[in-house]
Amino acid sequence: MKQKTSFVSFIGLLLLGATSVSNSFAQELDIAAIVKESEKAAYYAGDDGRSDARMMIVDKQGRKQMRQFTILRRDIADNGDQQMMVFFSRPSDVKDTVFRVEKRADLSVEDDRWLYLPALDLVKRISSGDKRTSFVGSHFFYEDVSGRAISEDNFELKSQSEEHYILLARPKAADSVEFAYYEVTIDKATKLPILINFYDNNDQNYRRVEAVKIDTIQGHPTVVRSKVSDLVGGAYTLMEFRNIQYNIGLDDEVFTERSLRTPPRQWLD
C-alpha cells in the first residue's frame, strides 16, 4: 500500500474542513477544493517524513520552558488516514515521553491518541474531549499537533486578495470545541494555511496560530517555524522544525505500540 505524509507545521497547523458557500462571489470558487488542497499541502507532502522540533513556551511573565522532540509520520492516503509518533528527548521531566496518533479520515471512527508516560510506565489514552487541551504544557493543543479532521467544520469565503484566501469556519459540533468560529488565511502560491484566528461567542479573538517561516524542502513548501499565542493572557509558544526529511521509507513497525517503550533509534539519532 502506498504511504504518504508531511510535516506541520503546525503543527498544527492546520484545521480544515468541508464547506458551504453563501455569497454569489464565492460561488465562482470551489471552496471545498481550496480547503482540501490546503490540507494536503500542510499535512500530506511526500510519502513519509521526520523532523526534529524545539518548542519554547513563554508565559505571561516572560518565563520560558523548552521541549525538544522528534516527529515521525506517514499517511495511508492523501487527505486520509495518518499515523504519527512524537518522541520527547528534553528536558528531563518529559524525556522518553511518546505521543502516538492513529488519525481517521472517517468521522464515524474516532481517532486514536495515546501518551506514554515513562515515569509510570503507563500508556494513557487521550479521549476526544481532551483533544483541545494543552500539548505537554504548551499553547499548542493535541489536535493542533495531530491535525483536525477535514469534515468537522463548515467553511465559507470571507474575502480574497491576489495572494490569499480568507475563509470563515464554524464547527459542525459546537459543543465539542471551545471556539465559536475561526478565520483561516491560505496562501495562494503555497496552498498553506498561514494564519488562524479563533473567536469565542462574544466575537473576541482569543487565540492565534501562525506560520512564522516557510521554506521549500525537497520541493515541498514547509512550515519551519510556527507560533500559537494566547491573545488574552499574553503568553505564547514558538515551535521550530529542523532536519526535515521526506520520503525516508518508514515501515509499519515504527508506528506500533511497541515503539512507545522501545523507540526506533535509527530514525531518532
C-alpha atoms as a PDB file:
ATOM      1  CA  MET A   1       0.000   0.000   0.000  1.00  0.00           C
ATOM      2  CA  LYS A   2       1.346   3.391  -0.913  1.00  0.00           C
ATOM      3  CA  GLN A   3       2.037   5.666   2.068  1.00  0.00           C
ATOM      4  CA  LYS A   4       2.045   9.474   2.175  1.00  0.00           C
ATOM      5  CA  THR A   5       2.826  12.167   4.801  1.00  0.00           C
ATOM      6  CA  SER A   6       4.259  15.626   5.632  1.00  0.00           C
ATOM      7  CA  PHE A   7       5.111  17.927   8.497  1.00  0.00           C
ATOM      8  CA  VAL A   8       3.205  20.509  10.305  1.00  0.00           C
ATOM      9  CA  SER A   9       3.780  22.665  10.824  1.00  0.00           C
ATOM     10  CA  PHE A  10       1.830  23.155  12.524  1.00  0.00           C
ATOM     11  CA  ILE A  11       1.857  21.997  13.552  1.00  0.00           C
ATOM     12  CA  GLY A  12      -0.570  22.007  13.828  1.00  0.00           C
ATOM     13  CA  LEU A  13      -1.287  23.692  11.646  1.00  0.00           C
ATOM     14  CA  LEU A  14      -3.976  23.147  10.440  1.00  0.00           C
ATOM     15  CA  LEU A  15      -7.587  22.698  10.843  1.00  0.00           C
ATOM     16  CA  LEU A  16      -9.585  22.500   7.638  1.00  0.00           C
ATOM     17  CA  GLY A  17     -12.938  21.076   6.611  1.00  0.00           C
ATOM     18  CA  ALA A  18     -15.734  20.564   4.149  1.00  0.00           C
ATOM     19  CA  THR A  19     -17.545  23.727   3.199  1.00  0.00           C
ATOM     20  CA  SER A  20     -20.571  25.647   2.069  1.00  0.00           C
ATOM     21  CA  VAL A  21     -20.616  28.983   0.264  1.00  0.00           C
ATOM     22  CA  SER A  22     -23.187  31.676   0.864  1.00  0.00           C
ATOM     23  CA  ASN A  23     -22.394  34.670  -1.362  1.00  0.00           C
ATOM     24  CA  SER A  24     -22.530  34.942  -5.154  1.00  0.00           C
ATOM     25  CA  PHE A  25     -18.852  35.853  -5.462  1.00  0.00           C
ATOM     26  CA  ALA A  26     -17.801  32.766  -3.537  1.00  0.00           C
ATOM     27  CA  GLN A  27     -19.978  30.571  -5.745  1.00  0.00           C
ATOM     28  CA  GLU A  28     -17.437  31.077  -8.549  1.00  0.00           C
ATOM     29  CA  LEU A  29     -14.884  29.240  -6.397  1.00  0.00           C
ATOM     30  CA  ASP A  30     -14.810  25.624  -5.290  1.00  0.00           C
ATOM     31  CA  ILE A  31     -14.222  26.260  -1.569  1.00  0.00           C
ATOM     32  CA  ALA A  32     -14.141  22.550  -0.786  1.00  0.00           C
ATOM     33  CA  ALA A  33     -11.303  22.106  -3.284  1.00  0.00           C
ATOM     34  CA  ILE A  34      -9.373  25.038  -1.796  1.00  0.00           C
ATOM     35  CA  VAL A  35      -9.707  23.572   1.680  1.00  0.00           C
ATOM     36  CA  LYS A  36      -8.659  20.107   0.533  1.00  0.00           C
ATOM     37  CA  GLU A  37      -5.631  21.478  -1.332  1.00  0.00           C
ATOM     38  CA  SER A  38      -4.579  23.434   1.733  1.00  0.00           C
ATOM     39  CA  GLU A  39      -4.883  20.412   3.995  1.00  0.00           C
ATOM     40  CA  LYS A  40      -2.852  18.353   1.539  1.00  0.00           C
ATOM     41  CA  ALA A  41      -0.090  20.980   1.410  1.00  0.00           C
ATOM     42  CA  ALA A  42       0.057  21.276   5.196  1.00  0.00           C
ATOM     43  CA  TYR A  43      -0.129  17.579   6.100  1.00  0.00           C
ATOM     44  CA  TYR A  44       0.421  15.296   3.127  1.00  0.00           C
ATOM     45  CA  ALA A  45       3.577  16.349   1.255  1.00  0.00           C
ATOM     46  CA  GLY A  46       5.911  13.458   0.487  1.00  0.00           C
ATOM     47  CA  ASP A  47       5.471   9.761   1.204  1.00  0.00           C
ATOM     48  CA  ASP A  48       6.635   9.896   4.817  1.00  0.00           C
ATOM     49  CA  GLY A  49       8.988  12.012   6.894  1.00  0.00           C
ATOM     50  CA  ARG A  50      10.765  13.086  10.037  1.00  0.00           C
ATOM     51  CA  SER A  51      11.601  16.340  11.754  1.00  0.00           C
ATOM     52  CA  ASP A  52      13.399  17.459  14.885  1.00  0.00           C
ATOM     53  CA  ALA A  53      11.374  20.062  16.745  1.00  0.00           C
ATOM     54  CA  ARG A  54      12.085  22.517  19.521  1.00  0.00           C
ATOM     55  CA  MET A  55       9.265  24.175  21.399  1.00  0.00           C
ATOM     56  CA  MET A  56       9.743  27.310  23.505  1.00  0.00           C
ATOM     57  CA  ILE A  57       6.896  28.032  25.927  1.00  0.00           C
ATOM     58  CA  VAL A  58       6.729  31.613  27.228  1.00  0.00           C
ATOM     59  CA  ASP A  59       4.264  32.538  29.982  1.00  0.00           C
ATOM     60  CA  LYS A  60       2.746  35.971  30.611  1.00  0.00           C
ATOM     61  CA  GLN A  61       5.624  36.885  32.966  1.00  0.00           C
ATOM     62  CA  GLY A  62       8.141  36.069  30.233  1.00  0.00           C
ATOM     63  CA  ARG A  63       9.382  32.874  31.901  1.00  0.00           C
ATOM     64  CA  LYS A  64      10.497  30.199  29.430  1.00  0.00           C
ATOM     65  CA  GLN A  65      10.331  26.418  29.218  1.00  0.00           C
ATOM     66  CA  MET A  66      11.745  24.266  26.451  1.00  0.00           C
ATOM     67  CA  ARG A  67      10.579  20.998  24.915  1.00  0.00           C
ATOM     68  CA  GLN A  68      12.576  19.043  22.339  1.00  0.00           C
ATOM     69  CA  PHE A  69      11.305  16.089  20.337  1.00  0.00           C
ATOM     70  CA  THR A  70      11.334  14.209  17.033  1.00  0.00           C
ATOM     71  CA  ILE A  71       8.255  13.683  14.874  1.00  0.00           C
ATOM     72  CA  LEU A  72       7.852  10.658  12.603  1.00  0.00           C
ATOM     73  CA  ARG A  73       4.776  10.326  10.449  1.00  0.00           C
ATOM     74  CA  ARG A  74       3.228   8.798   7.391  1.00  0.00           C
ATOM     75  CA  ASP A  75      -0.171   8.827   5.704  1.00  0.00           C
ATOM     76  CA  ILE A  76      -2.158   5.943   4.344  1.00  0.00           C
ATOM     77  CA  ALA A  77      -3.624   8.174   1.612  1.00  0.00           C
ATOM     78  CA  ASP A  78      -3.658  11.843   0.670  1.00  0.00           C
ATOM     79  CA  ASN A  79      -6.211  13.681   2.834  1.00  0.00           C
ATOM     80  CA  GLY A  80      -6.879  10.360   4.534  1.00  0.00           C
ATOM     81  CA  ASP A  81      -5.776   8.235   7.460  1.00  0.00           C
ATOM     82  CA  GLN A  82      -2.472   9.197   9.068  1.00  0.00           C
ATOM     83  CA  GLN A  83      -0.024   7.811  11.615  1.00  0.00           C
ATOM     84  CA  MET A  84       2.285   9.842  13.840  1.00  0.00           C
ATOM     85  CA  MET A  85       4.819   9.301  16.616  1.00  0.00           C
ATOM     86  CA  VAL A  86       6.319  12.112  18.705  1.00  0.00           C
ATOM     87  CA  PHE A  87       9.371  11.167  20.813  1.00  0.00           C
ATOM     88  CA  PHE A  88      10.473  13.635  23.530  1.00  0.00           C
ATOM     89  CA  SER A  89      14.169  13.978  24.400  1.00  0.00           C
ATOM     90  CA  ARG A  90      14.406  17.165  26.531  1.00  0.00           C
ATOM     91  CA  PRO A  91      14.080  18.353  29.254  1.00  0.00           C
ATOM     92  CA  SER A  92      14.484  15.540  31.748  1.00  0.00           C
ATOM     93  CA  ASP A  93      10.901  15.719  33.075  1.00  0.00           C
ATOM     94  CA  VAL A  94       9.471  14.777  29.643  1.00  0.00           C
ATOM     95  CA  LYS A  95      12.378  12.687  28.297  1.00  0.00           C
ATOM     96  CA  ASP A  96      11.172   9.395  26.742  1.00  0.00           C
ATOM     97  CA  THR A  97       7.534  10.544  26.747  1.00  0.00           C
ATOM     98  CA  VAL A  98       5.884   9.437  23.493  1.00  0.00           C
ATOM     99  CA  PHE A  99       2.734  10.699  21.758  1.00  0.00           C
ATOM    100  CA  ARG A 100       1.165   8.241  19.305  1.00  0.00           C
ATOM    101  CA  VAL A 101      -1.649   9.001  16.847  1.00  0.00           C
ATOM    102  CA  GLU A 102      -3.808   6.937  14.518  1.00  0.00           C
ATOM    103  CA  LYS A 103      -5.821   9.581  12.695  1.00  0.00           C
ATOM    104  CA  ARG A 104      -9.006   8.535  10.885  1.00  0.00           C
ATOM    105  CA  ALA A 105     -10.493  10.346   7.919  1.00  0.00           C
ATOM    106  CA  ASP A 106     -13.879   8.734   8.583  1.00  0.00           C
ATOM    107  CA  LEU A 107     -15.597  10.747  11.322  1.00  0.00           C
ATOM    108  CA  SER A 108     -17.663   7.728  12.306  1.00  0.00           C
ATOM    109  CA  VAL A 109     -14.422   6.168  13.577  1.00  0.00           C
ATOM    110  CA  GLU A 110     -12.763   8.135  16.374  1.00  0.00           C
ATOM    111  CA  ASP A 111      -9.064   8.988  16.137  1.00  0.00           C
ATOM    112  CA  ASP A 112      -6.797   7.031  18.464  1.00  0.00           C
ATOM    113  CA  ARG A 113      -4.309   9.075  20.509  1.00  0.00           C
ATOM    114  CA  TRP A 114      -2.071   7.791  23.281  1.00  0.00           C
ATOM    115  CA  LEU A 115       0.539   9.315  25.579  1.00  0.00           C
ATOM    116  CA  TYR A 116       3.244   7.104  27.063  1.00  0.00           C
ATOM    117  CA  LEU A 117       4.478   8.317  30.473  1.00  0.00           C
ATOM    118  CA  PRO A 118       7.820   6.628  31.222  1.00  0.00           C
ATOM    119  CA  ALA A 119       7.995   7.551  34.923  1.00  0.00           C
ATOM    120  CA  LEU A 120       4.835   5.476  35.485  1.00  0.00           C
ATOM    121  CA  ASP A 121       5.412   3.069  32.599  1.00  0.00           C
ATOM    122  CA  LEU A 122       1.837   3.992  31.679  1.00  0.00           C
ATOM    123  CA  VAL A 123       0.100   4.336  28.331  1.00  0.00           C
ATOM    124  CA  LYS A 124      -2.674   6.920  28.697  1.00  0.00           C
ATOM    125  CA  ARG A 125      -5.398   7.174  26.090  1.00  0.00           C
ATOM    126  CA  ILE A 126      -6.310  10.723  25.085  1.00  0.00           C
ATOM    127  CA  SER A 127     -10.071  10.945  24.786  1.00  0.00           C
ATOM    128  CA  SER A 128     -11.928  13.014  22.223  1.00  0.00           C
ATOM    129  CA  GLY A 129     -12.717  15.521  24.966  1.00  0.00           C
ATOM    130  CA  ASP A 130      -9.023  16.087  25.604  1.00  0.00           C
ATOM    131  CA  LYS A 131      -8.053  16.847  22.003  1.00  0.00           C
ATOM    132  CA  ARG A 132      -8.260  20.582  22.572  1.00  0.00           C
ATOM    133  CA  THR A 133      -6.224  20.679  25.762  1.00  0.00           C
ATOM    134  CA  SER A 134      -2.591  21.673  26.228  1.00  0.00           C
ATOM    135  CA  PHE A 135       0.045  19.563  24.499  1.00  0.00           C
ATOM    136  CA  VAL A 136       2.704  18.866  27.195  1.00  0.00           C
ATOM    137  CA  GLY A 137       2.199  22.254  28.853  1.00  0.00           C
ATOM    138  CA  SER A 138       2.405  24.350  25.681  1.00  0.00           C
ATOM    139  CA  HIS A 139      -0.122  26.602  23.955  1.00  0.00           C
ATOM    140  CA  PHE A 140      -0.476  24.039  21.170  1.00  0.00           C
ATOM    141  CA  PHE A 141      -3.334  21.586  21.608  1.00  0.00           C
ATOM    142  CA  TYR A 142      -3.128  17.855  20.930  1.00  0.00           C
ATOM    143  CA  GLU A 143      -5.389  18.473  17.965  1.00  0.00           C
ATOM    144  CA  ASP A 144      -3.036  21.161  16.617  1.00  0.00           C
ATOM    145  CA  VAL A 145      -0.238  18.623  16.503  1.00  0.00           C
ATOM    146  CA  SER A 146      -2.100  15.671  15.020  1.00  0.00           C
ATOM    147  CA  GLY A 147      -4.499  17.701  12.883  1.00  0.00           C
ATOM    148  CA  ARG A 148      -8.231  18.312  12.823  1.00  0.00           C
ATOM    149  CA  ALA A 149     -10.499  16.164  10.651  1.00  0.00           C
ATOM    150  CA  ILE A 150     -11.339  17.951   7.417  1.00  0.00           C
ATOM    151  CA  SER A 151     -15.085  17.388   7.759  1.00  0.00           C
ATOM    152  CA  GLU A 152     -15.581  18.809  11.265  1.00  0.00           C
ATOM    153  CA  ASP A 153     -16.143  22.400  10.125  1.00  0.00           C
ATOM    154  CA  ASN A 154     -18.209  24.308   7.568  1.00  0.00           C
ATOM    155  CA  PHE A 155     -16.272  26.895   5.544  1.00  0.00           C
ATOM    156  CA  GLU A 156     -17.235  29.912   3.520  1.00  0.00           C
ATOM    157  CA  LEU A 157     -15.186  32.518   1.716  1.00  0.00           C
ATOM    158  CA  LYS A 158     -14.918  35.769   3.661  1.00  0.00           C
ATOM    159  CA  SER A 159     -12.596  37.608   1.273  1.00  0.00           C
ATOM    160  CA  GLN A 160      -9.636  37.171  -1.012  1.00  0.00           C
ATOM    161  CA  SER A 161      -6.720  39.163  -2.391  1.00  0.00           C
ATOM    162  CA  GLU A 162      -4.186  38.455  -5.089  1.00  0.00           C
ATOM    163  CA  GLU A 163      -2.099  36.494  -2.567  1.00  0.00           C
ATOM    164  CA  HIS A 164      -4.596  34.997  -0.104  1.00  0.00           C
ATOM    165  CA  TYR A 165      -7.964  33.427   0.570  1.00  0.00           C
ATOM    166  CA  ILE A 166      -9.573  34.190   3.937  1.00  0.00           C
ATOM    167  CA  LEU A 167     -12.116  31.570   4.969  1.00  0.00           C
ATOM    168  CA  LEU A 168     -14.575  31.626   7.847  1.00  0.00           C
ATOM    169  CA  ALA A 169     -15.033  28.276   9.581  1.00  0.00           C
ATOM    170  CA  ARG A 170     -17.712  27.177  12.028  1.00  0.00           C
ATOM    171  CA  PRO A 171     -17.678  23.817  13.844  1.00  0.00           C
ATOM    172  CA  LYS A 172     -20.432  21.381  12.990  1.00  0.00           C
ATOM    173  CA  ALA A 173     -20.451  20.135  16.593  1.00  0.00           C
ATOM    174  CA  ALA A 174     -20.265  23.408  18.523  1.00  0.00           C
ATOM    175  CA  ASP A 175     -20.400  21.686  21.915  1.00  0.00           C
ATOM    176  CA  SER A 176     -17.221  19.702  21.181  1.00  0.00           C
ATOM    177  CA  VAL A 177     -14.881  22.718  20.951  1.00  0.00           C
ATOM    178  CA  GLU A 178     -14.112  25.893  22.894  1.00  0.00           C
ATOM    179  CA  PHE A 179     -14.288  28.241  19.888  1.00  0.00           C
ATOM    180  CA  ALA A 180     -17.371  29.654  18.177  1.00  0.00           C
ATOM    181  CA  TYR A 181     -15.619  30.091  14.811  1.00  0.00           C
ATOM    182  CA  TYR A 182     -12.246  30.827  13.299  1.00  0.00           C
ATOM    183  CA  GLU A 183     -10.786  32.572  10.276  1.00  0.00           C
ATOM    184  CA  VAL A 184      -8.022  30.913   8.278  1.00  0.00           C
ATOM    185  CA  THR A 185      -5.778  32.683   5.771  1.00  0.00           C
ATOM    186  CA  ILE A 186      -4.499  30.459   2.961  1.00  0.00           C
ATOM    187  CA  ASP A 187      -1.552  31.459   0.799  1.00  0.00           C
ATOM    188  CA  LYS A 188      -2.499  31.005  -2.849  1.00  0.00           C
ATOM    189  CA  ALA A 189       1.055  30.290  -4.006  1.00  0.00           C
ATOM    190  CA  THR A 190       1.959  27.562  -1.488  1.00  0.00           C
ATOM    191  CA  LYS A 191      -1.602  26.434  -0.623  1.00  0.00           C
ATOM    192  CA  LEU A 192      -0.528  26.506   3.038  1.00  0.00           C
ATOM    193  CA  PRO A 193      -2.749  27.901   5.808  1.00  0.00           C
ATOM    194  CA  ILE A 194      -0.575  30.652   7.267  1.00  0.00           C
ATOM    195  CA  LEU A 195      -2.797  32.275   9.896  1.00  0.00           C
ATOM    196  CA  ILE A 196      -5.720  31.088  12.027  1.00  0.00           C
ATOM    197  CA  ASN A 197      -7.577  33.387  14.419  1.00  0.00           C
ATOM    198  CA  PHE A 198     -10.021  31.787  16.876  1.00  0.00           C
ATOM    199  CA  TYR A 199     -13.058  33.656  18.246  1.00  0.00           C
ATOM    200  CA  ASP A 200     -15.357  32.972  21.177  1.00  0.00           C
ATOM    201  CA  ASN A 201     -19.112  33.501  21.429  1.00  0.00           C
ATOM    202  CA  ASN A 202     -18.529  37.191  22.184  1.00  0.00           C
ATOM    203  CA  ASP A 203     -16.558  37.613  18.946  1.00  0.00           C
ATOM    204  CA  GLN A 204     -13.328  38.045  20.888  1.00  0.00           C
ATOM    205  CA  ASN A 205     -10.180  36.900  19.086  1.00  0.00           C
ATOM    206  CA  TYR A 206      -8.584  34.958  21.938  1.00  0.00           C
ATOM    207  CA  ARG A 207      -6.160  32.582  20.194  1.00  0.00           C
ATOM    208  CA  ARG A 208      -3.888  32.707  17.150  1.00  0.00           C
ATOM    209  CA  VAL A 209      -1.930  30.076  15.231  1.00  0.00           C
ATOM    210  CA  GLU A 210       0.502  31.352  12.630  1.00  0.00           C
ATOM    211  CA  ALA A 211       3.170  30.124  10.255  1.00  0.00           C
ATOM    212  CA  VAL A 212       6.141  32.382  11.036  1.00  0.00           C
ATOM    213  CA  LYS A 213       8.565  30.984   8.452  1.00  0.00           C
ATOM    214  CA  ILE A 214       8.149  28.771   5.388  1.00  0.00           C
ATOM    215  CA  ASP A 215      10.955  27.057   3.463  1.00  0.00           C
ATOM    216  CA  THR A 216      10.841  24.778   0.440  1.00  0.00           C
ATOM    217  CA  ILE A 217      12.241  21.339   1.309  1.00  0.00           C
ATOM    218  CA  GLN A 218      12.574  18.638  -1.347  1.00  0.00           C
ATOM    219  CA  GLY A 219      10.174  20.662  -3.465  1.00  0.00           C
ATOM    220  CA  HIS A 220       7.525  20.956  -0.743  1.00  0.00           C
ATOM    221  CA  PRO A 221       6.644  24.323   0.869  1.00  0.00           C
ATOM    222  CA  THR A 222       7.027  23.523   4.576  1.00  0.00           C
ATOM    223  CA  VAL A 223       6.335  25.461   7.759  1.00  0.00           C
ATOM    224  CA  VAL A 224       9.630  25.509   9.675  1.00  0.00           C
ATOM    225  CA  ARG A 225       8.590  27.925  12.406  1.00  0.00           C
ATOM    226  CA  SER A 226       5.110  28.307  13.888  1.00  0.00           C
ATOM    227  CA  LYS A 227       3.597  30.157  16.824  1.00  0.00           C
ATOM    228  CA  VAL A 228       0.500  29.835  18.990  1.00  0.00           C
ATOM    229  CA  SER A 229      -0.492  32.892  21.029  1.00  0.00           C
ATOM    230  CA  ASP A 230      -2.864  33.333  23.945  1.00  0.00           C
ATOM    231  CA  LEU A 231      -4.158  36.783  22.987  1.00  0.00           C
ATOM    232  CA  VAL A 232      -5.939  37.272  26.304  1.00  0.00           C
ATOM    233  CA  GLY A 233      -3.157  36.291  28.705  1.00  0.00           C
ATOM    234  CA  GLY A 234      -0.238  37.380  26.528  1.00  0.00           C
ATOM    235  CA  ALA A 235       1.601  34.033  26.655  1.00  0.00           C
ATOM    236  CA  TYR A 236       2.748  32.076  23.589  1.00  0.00           C
ATOM    237  CA  THR A 237       4.616  29.024  22.319  1.00  0.00           C
ATOM    238  CA  LEU A 238       7.093  29.092  19.437  1.00  0.00           C
ATOM    239  CA  MET A 239       7.920  25.864  17.588  1.00  0.00           C
ATOM    240  CA  GLU A 240      10.864  25.403  15.217  1.00  0.00           C
ATOM    241  CA  PHE A 241      11.488  22.423  12.942  1.00  0.00           C
ATOM    242  CA  ARG A 242      14.938  21.247  11.822  1.00  0.00           C
ATOM    243  CA  ASN A 243      16.429  18.329   9.894  1.00  0.00           C
ATOM    244  CA  ILE A 244      13.229  17.845   7.956  1.00  0.00           C
ATOM    245  CA  GLN A 245      13.282  14.948   5.514  1.00  0.00           C
ATOM    246  CA  TYR A 246      10.601  13.460   3.299  1.00  0.00           C
ATOM    247  CA  ASN A 247      10.402  10.052   1.625  1.00  0.00           C
ATOM    248  CA  ILE A 248      12.667   8.171   4.023  1.00  0.00           C
ATOM    249  CA  GLY A 249      10.912   4.804   3.942  1.00  0.00           C
ATOM    250  CA  LEU A 250       9.313   4.445   7.386  1.00  0.00           C
ATOM    251  CA  ASP A 251       7.800   0.987   7.867  1.00  0.00           C
ATOM    252  CA  ASP A 252       4.823  -0.414   9.772  1.00  0.00           C
ATOM    253  CA  GLU A 253       6.855  -1.330  12.851  1.00  0.00           C
ATOM    254  CA  VAL A 254       7.664   2.323  13.612  1.00  0.00           C
ATOM    255  CA  PHE A 255       4.002   3.120  14.325  1.00  0.00           C
ATOM    256  CA  THR A 256       3.134   0.255  16.662  1.00  0.00           C
ATOM    257  CA  GLU A 257       2.517   0.173  20.403  1.00  0.00           C
ATOM    258  CA  ARG A 258       5.937  -1.462  20.790  1.00  0.00           C
ATOM    259  CA  SER A 259       7.603   1.821  19.763  1.00  0.00           C
ATOM    260  CA  LEU A 260       6.171   3.554  22.842  1.00  0.00           C
ATOM    261  CA  ARG A 261       8.575   1.681  25.101  1.00  0.00           C
ATOM    262  CA  THR A 262      11.224   0.752  22.512  1.00  0.00           C
ATOM    263  CA  PRO A 263      11.661   3.746  20.179  1.00  0.00           C
ATOM    264  CA  PRO A 264      13.092   3.174  16.661  1.00  0.00           C
ATOM    265  CA  ARG A 265      16.511   4.703  17.353  1.00  0.00           C
ATOM    266  CA  GLN A 266      17.652   4.535  13.742  1.00  0.00           C
ATOM    267  CA  TRP A 267      15.146   7.298  12.944  1.00  0.00           C
ATOM    268  CA  LEU A 268      15.742   9.402  16.048  1.00  0.00           C
ATOM    269  CA  ASP A 269      19.541   9.829  16.253  1.00  0.00           C
END
